[in-house]
Amino acid sequence: MTVKELMETGRFGVVNEGAHPDAPIGGLFCCDLLSVAMSKAPAGAAWVTVMGNMNTLAVASLTEVACVILAEGAALDAQAREKAGEQGIPVLSTEEPIFDAALWVHTAIQ
């Protein structure tokens, strides 16, 4: 499944489409501790988190995750939303808990 295909499911809101919507999603990563995410998030993964800030975008860029999914109603502020657009980082959103969102993605990419 690609990031674009995930966006087209209608399951998640699209905050920013990103520069590479055709990138494949090669796994899943769930973590809200940015230092752990920085060292362990696999490139190409969908990262599910509630951390919707500039530091999250920096970690997403460094780790080259396929997309960020903001769960539990977390949102990017205006500055972070602008930065996601500038850096081409795909960001999706959901009201679902992290576990439920991650489980759905995990099942969809299998």
N, C-alpha and C. Protein backbone atom coordinates (compact mmCIF):
# COMPACT_ATOMS: atom_id res chain seq x y z
N MET A 1 0.84 -1.17 0.00
CA MET A 1 0.00 0.00 0.00
C MET A 1 0.89 1.24 0.00
N THR A 2 0.51 2.22 -0.78
CA THR A 2 1.24 3.48 -0.81
C THR A 2 0.58 4.49 0.13
N VAL A 3 1.28 5.57 0.37
CA VAL A 3 0.73 6.64 1.20
C VAL A 3 -0.55 7.17 0.55
N LYS A 4 -0.53 7.36 -0.75
CA LYS A 4 -1.71 7.86 -1.45
C LYS A 4 -2.89 6.90 -1.31
N GLU A 5 -2.63 5.61 -1.45
CA GLU A 5 -3.70 4.62 -1.29
C GLU A 5 -4.27 4.67 0.13
N LEU A 6 -3.41 4.86 1.12
CA LEU A 6 -3.87 4.99 2.49
C LEU A 6 -4.77 6.22 2.63
N MET A 7 -4.34 7.32 2.02
CA MET A 7 -5.14 8.54 2.06
C MET A 7 -6.50 8.34 1.40
N GLU A 8 -6.52 7.58 0.33
CA GLU A 8 -7.75 7.38 -0.44
C GLU A 8 -8.74 6.43 0.22
N THR A 9 -8.34 5.75 1.29
CA THR A 9 -9.27 4.85 1.97
C THR A 9 -10.40 5.61 2.65
N GLY A 10 -10.17 6.89 2.94
CA GLY A 10 -11.16 7.68 3.65
C GLY A 10 -11.15 7.45 5.15
N ARG A 11 -10.25 6.62 5.60
CA ARG A 11 -10.16 6.29 7.02
C ARG A 11 -9.51 7.42 7.82
N PHE A 12 -8.66 8.19 7.16
CA PHE A 12 -7.88 9.24 7.82
C PHE A 12 -8.08 10.57 7.13
N GLY A 13 -8.02 11.64 7.90
CA GLY A 13 -8.01 12.96 7.32
C GLY A 13 -6.63 13.24 6.74
N VAL A 14 -6.57 14.01 5.69
CA VAL A 14 -5.29 14.36 5.07
C VAL A 14 -4.94 15.78 5.49
N VAL A 15 -3.89 15.89 6.29
CA VAL A 15 -3.42 17.19 6.74
C VAL A 15 -2.47 17.76 5.70
N ASN A 16 -1.59 16.91 5.17
CA ASN A 16 -0.64 17.30 4.13
C ASN A 16 -0.35 16.08 3.28
N GLU A 17 -0.52 16.21 1.97
CA GLU A 17 -0.30 15.07 1.07
C GLU A 17 1.16 14.68 0.99
N GLY A 18 2.05 15.63 1.08
CA GLY A 18 3.47 15.34 1.03
C GLY A 18 4.01 15.30 -0.38
N ALA A 19 5.32 15.19 -0.47
CA ALA A 19 6.00 15.25 -1.76
C ALA A 19 6.04 13.91 -2.48
N HIS A 20 5.84 12.81 -1.76
CA HIS A 20 5.96 11.49 -2.37
C HIS A 20 4.78 10.60 -2.00
N PRO A 21 3.59 10.94 -2.49
CA PRO A 21 2.41 10.15 -2.12
C PRO A 21 2.45 8.71 -2.66
N ASP A 22 3.29 8.44 -3.63
CA ASP A 22 3.37 7.09 -4.17
C ASP A 22 4.40 6.22 -3.43
N ALA A 23 4.95 6.74 -2.35
CA ALA A 23 5.91 5.96 -1.55
C ALA A 23 5.18 4.79 -0.89
N PRO A 24 5.78 3.61 -0.96
CA PRO A 24 5.16 2.46 -0.31
C PRO A 24 5.30 2.55 1.21
N ILE A 25 4.31 2.02 1.90
CA ILE A 25 4.38 1.92 3.36
C ILE A 25 4.91 0.54 3.68
N GLY A 26 6.08 0.49 4.27
CA GLY A 26 6.76 -0.78 4.49
C GLY A 26 6.68 -1.31 5.91
N GLY A 27 5.87 -0.71 6.73
CA GLY A 27 5.76 -1.17 8.10
C GLY A 27 5.02 -0.15 8.93
N LEU A 28 5.07 -0.35 10.23
CA LEU A 28 4.33 0.50 11.15
C LEU A 28 5.19 0.77 12.36
N PHE A 29 5.07 1.98 12.91
CA PHE A 29 5.81 2.35 14.11
C PHE A 29 4.92 3.20 14.98
N CYS A 30 4.84 2.88 16.26
CA CYS A 30 4.04 3.64 17.22
C CYS A 30 4.94 4.08 18.36
N CYS A 31 5.00 5.39 18.58
CA CYS A 31 5.82 5.90 19.67
C CYS A 31 5.54 7.39 19.84
N ASP A 32 5.50 7.85 21.08
CA ASP A 32 5.32 9.27 21.35
C ASP A 32 6.56 9.90 21.96
N LEU A 33 7.56 9.13 22.22
CA LEU A 33 8.80 9.65 22.77
C LEU A 33 9.75 9.92 21.60
N LEU A 34 9.98 11.19 21.31
CA LEU A 34 10.70 11.55 20.10
C LEU A 34 12.12 11.03 20.05
N SER A 35 12.80 10.94 21.18
CA SER A 35 14.17 10.42 21.16
C SER A 35 14.18 8.94 20.78
N VAL A 36 13.19 8.20 21.20
CA VAL A 36 13.09 6.79 20.82
C VAL A 36 12.72 6.69 19.34
N ALA A 37 11.78 7.48 18.90
CA ALA A 37 11.39 7.47 17.49
C ALA A 37 12.58 7.82 16.61
N MET A 38 13.40 8.77 17.04
CA MET A 38 14.55 9.17 16.24
C MET A 38 15.53 8.02 16.05
N SER A 39 15.65 7.16 17.03
CA SER A 39 16.63 6.07 16.93
C SER A 39 16.03 4.77 16.41
N LYS A 40 14.70 4.64 16.43
CA LYS A 40 14.12 3.34 16.10
C LYS A 40 13.07 3.33 14.99
N ALA A 41 12.55 4.47 14.58
CA ALA A 41 11.52 4.48 13.53
C ALA A 41 12.14 4.03 12.22
N PRO A 42 11.61 2.98 11.62
CA PRO A 42 12.19 2.49 10.37
C PRO A 42 11.79 3.36 9.17
N ALA A 43 12.72 3.58 8.29
CA ALA A 43 12.42 4.31 7.05
C ALA A 43 11.30 3.58 6.33
N GLY A 44 10.38 4.34 5.77
CA GLY A 44 9.29 3.77 5.02
C GLY A 44 8.09 3.33 5.85
N ALA A 45 8.15 3.52 7.16
CA ALA A 45 7.05 3.10 8.04
C ALA A 45 6.00 4.21 8.13
N ALA A 46 4.79 3.81 8.48
CA ALA A 46 3.76 4.76 8.88
C ALA A 46 3.95 4.94 10.39
N TRP A 47 4.16 6.16 10.82
CA TRP A 47 4.41 6.46 12.24
C TRP A 47 3.13 7.01 12.85
N VAL A 48 2.58 6.29 13.83
CA VAL A 48 1.36 6.71 14.51
C VAL A 48 1.76 7.31 15.86
N THR A 49 1.31 8.54 16.10
CA THR A 49 1.70 9.27 17.30
C THR A 49 0.63 10.29 17.67
N VAL A 50 0.74 10.84 18.86
CA VAL A 50 -0.11 11.97 19.26
C VAL A 50 0.71 13.26 19.34
N MET A 51 1.96 13.19 18.97
CA MET A 51 2.85 14.35 19.04
C MET A 51 2.76 15.15 17.75
N GLY A 52 1.99 16.21 17.76
CA GLY A 52 1.79 17.01 16.56
C GLY A 52 2.53 18.33 16.61
N ASN A 53 3.86 18.28 16.62
CA ASN A 53 4.61 19.52 16.71
C ASN A 53 5.78 19.53 15.73
N MET A 54 6.53 20.61 15.74
CA MET A 54 7.67 20.77 14.83
C MET A 54 8.73 19.69 15.04
N ASN A 55 8.93 19.28 16.28
CA ASN A 55 9.94 18.25 16.54
C ASN A 55 9.54 16.92 15.92
N THR A 56 8.25 16.62 15.89
CA THR A 56 7.77 15.41 15.24
C THR A 56 8.13 15.44 13.76
N LEU A 57 7.95 16.58 13.13
CA LEU A 57 8.28 16.70 11.72
C LEU A 57 9.77 16.55 11.49
N ALA A 58 10.58 17.08 12.40
CA ALA A 58 12.03 16.93 12.27
C ALA A 58 12.42 15.46 12.35
N VAL A 59 11.83 14.73 13.29
CA VAL A 59 12.13 13.30 13.43
C VAL A 59 11.63 12.54 12.20
N ALA A 60 10.45 12.89 11.71
CA ALA A 60 9.91 12.23 10.51
C ALA A 60 10.85 12.42 9.32
N SER A 61 11.39 13.61 9.20
CA SER A 61 12.32 13.90 8.11
C SER A 61 13.62 13.12 8.27
N LEU A 62 14.16 13.11 9.48
CA LEU A 62 15.43 12.41 9.75
C LEU A 62 15.31 10.90 9.54
N THR A 63 14.20 10.34 9.95
CA THR A 63 14.04 8.89 9.88
C THR A 63 13.47 8.41 8.55
N GLU A 64 12.99 9.36 7.75
CA GLU A 64 12.43 9.06 6.43
C GLU A 64 11.24 8.10 6.50
N VAL A 65 10.36 8.32 7.50
CA VAL A 65 9.14 7.53 7.56
C VAL A 65 8.28 7.88 6.34
N ALA A 66 7.41 6.96 5.95
CA ALA A 66 6.56 7.19 4.79
C ALA A 66 5.52 8.26 5.07
N CYS A 67 4.99 8.26 6.30
CA CYS A 67 3.99 9.26 6.68
C CYS A 67 3.87 9.30 8.20
N VAL A 68 3.27 10.37 8.67
CA VAL A 68 2.94 10.52 10.08
C VAL A 68 1.41 10.47 10.19
N ILE A 69 0.92 9.67 11.12
CA ILE A 69 -0.52 9.62 11.40
C ILE A 69 -0.73 10.15 12.81
N LEU A 70 -1.41 11.27 12.91
CA LEU A 70 -1.72 11.87 14.20
C LEU A 70 -3.02 11.26 14.72
N ALA A 71 -2.93 10.56 15.82
CA ALA A 71 -4.08 9.85 16.39
C ALA A 71 -4.70 10.64 17.54
N GLU A 72 -5.85 10.17 18.00
CA GLU A 72 -6.55 10.70 19.17
C GLU A 72 -6.87 12.18 19.05
N GLY A 73 -7.09 12.65 17.83
CA GLY A 73 -7.46 14.04 17.62
C GLY A 73 -6.30 15.03 17.69
N ALA A 74 -5.07 14.53 17.79
CA ALA A 74 -3.91 15.42 17.80
C ALA A 74 -3.85 16.18 16.48
N ALA A 75 -3.35 17.40 16.53
CA ALA A 75 -3.30 18.23 15.33
C ALA A 75 -1.98 18.99 15.26
N LEU A 76 -1.62 19.38 14.05
CA LEU A 76 -0.48 20.26 13.87
C LEU A 76 -0.94 21.70 14.04
N ASP A 77 -0.13 22.51 14.70
CA ASP A 77 -0.46 23.93 14.74
C ASP A 77 -0.14 24.53 13.36
N ALA A 78 -0.47 25.79 13.16
CA ALA A 78 -0.31 26.42 11.85
C ALA A 78 1.15 26.40 11.39
N GLN A 79 2.07 26.66 12.30
CA GLN A 79 3.49 26.67 11.94
C GLN A 79 3.96 25.28 11.53
N ALA A 80 3.55 24.26 12.27
CA ALA A 80 3.95 22.89 11.93
C ALA A 80 3.30 22.44 10.63
N ARG A 81 2.06 22.83 10.40
CA ARG A 81 1.38 22.48 9.14
C ARG A 81 2.12 23.08 7.95
N GLU A 82 2.55 24.33 8.10
CA GLU A 82 3.32 24.99 7.04
C GLU A 82 4.64 24.26 6.80
N LYS A 83 5.30 23.88 7.88
CA LYS A 83 6.58 23.17 7.77
C LYS A 83 6.41 21.82 7.10
N ALA A 84 5.33 21.10 7.40
CA ALA A 84 5.06 19.82 6.75
C ALA A 84 4.93 20.02 5.25
N GLY A 85 4.27 21.10 4.85
CA GLY A 85 4.16 21.41 3.43
C GLY A 85 5.49 21.73 2.79
N GLU A 86 6.29 22.54 3.48
CA GLU A 86 7.61 22.91 2.96
C GLU A 86 8.52 21.70 2.81
N GLN A 87 8.46 20.79 3.77
CA GLN A 87 9.35 19.63 3.76
C GLN A 87 8.76 18.43 3.03
N GLY A 88 7.52 18.54 2.57
CA GLY A 88 6.89 17.46 1.82
C GLY A 88 6.60 16.22 2.65
N ILE A 89 6.29 16.41 3.93
CA ILE A 89 6.02 15.28 4.82
C ILE A 89 4.53 14.96 4.81
N PRO A 90 4.16 13.74 4.42
CA PRO A 90 2.75 13.36 4.45
C PRO A 90 2.26 13.23 5.90
N VAL A 91 1.16 13.91 6.21
CA VAL A 91 0.59 13.85 7.56
C VAL A 91 -0.89 13.55 7.43
N LEU A 92 -1.33 12.53 8.15
CA LEU A 92 -2.73 12.15 8.20
C LEU A 92 -3.22 12.33 9.63
N SER A 93 -4.53 12.28 9.82
CA SER A 93 -5.08 12.45 11.16
C SER A 93 -6.28 11.55 11.37
N THR A 94 -6.54 11.27 12.65
CA THR A 94 -7.70 10.48 13.04
C THR A 94 -8.07 10.79 14.48
N GLU A 95 -9.32 10.55 14.81
CA GLU A 95 -9.78 10.67 16.18
C GLU A 95 -9.56 9.36 16.94
N GLU A 96 -9.25 8.30 16.22
CA GLU A 96 -9.08 6.98 16.83
C GLU A 96 -7.88 6.94 17.78
N PRO A 97 -7.92 6.05 18.77
CA PRO A 97 -6.75 5.83 19.61
C PRO A 97 -5.58 5.28 18.78
N ILE A 98 -4.39 5.46 19.28
CA ILE A 98 -3.20 5.00 18.56
C ILE A 98 -3.31 3.52 18.20
N PHE A 99 -3.68 2.68 19.15
CA PHE A 99 -3.74 1.25 18.89
C PHE A 99 -4.69 0.93 17.74
N ASP A 100 -5.89 1.50 17.77
CA ASP A 100 -6.88 1.20 16.74
C ASP A 100 -6.42 1.66 15.36
N ALA A 101 -5.86 2.86 15.30
CA ALA A 101 -5.35 3.37 14.02
C ALA A 101 -4.22 2.50 13.50
N ALA A 102 -3.31 2.14 14.38
CA ALA A 102 -2.17 1.32 13.98
C ALA A 102 -2.60 -0.07 13.55
N LEU A 103 -3.53 -0.65 14.28
CA LEU A 103 -4.02 -1.98 13.92
C LEU A 103 -4.67 -1.95 12.54
N TRP A 104 -5.44 -0.93 12.26
CA TRP A 104 -6.09 -0.83 10.95
C TRP A 104 -5.04 -0.73 9.85
N VAL A 105 -4.03 0.12 10.03
CA VAL A 105 -2.98 0.26 9.02
C VAL A 105 -2.21 -1.05 8.87
N HIS A 106 -1.87 -1.67 9.99
CA HIS A 106 -1.13 -2.94 9.95
C HIS A 106 -1.90 -3.97 9.11
N THR A 107 -3.19 -4.09 9.35
CA THR A 107 -4.00 -5.04 8.61
C THR A 107 -4.06 -4.66 7.12
N ALA A 108 -4.17 -3.39 6.84
CA ALA A 108 -4.29 -2.91 5.45
C ALA A 108 -3.02 -3.13 4.63
N ILE A 109 -1.86 -3.05 5.26
CA ILE A 109 -0.62 -3.17 4.49
C ILE A 109 -0.13 -4.61 4.39
N GLN A 110 -0.82 -5.55 5.03
CA GLN A 110 -0.41 -6.96 4.97
C GLN A 110 -0.80 -7.59 3.67
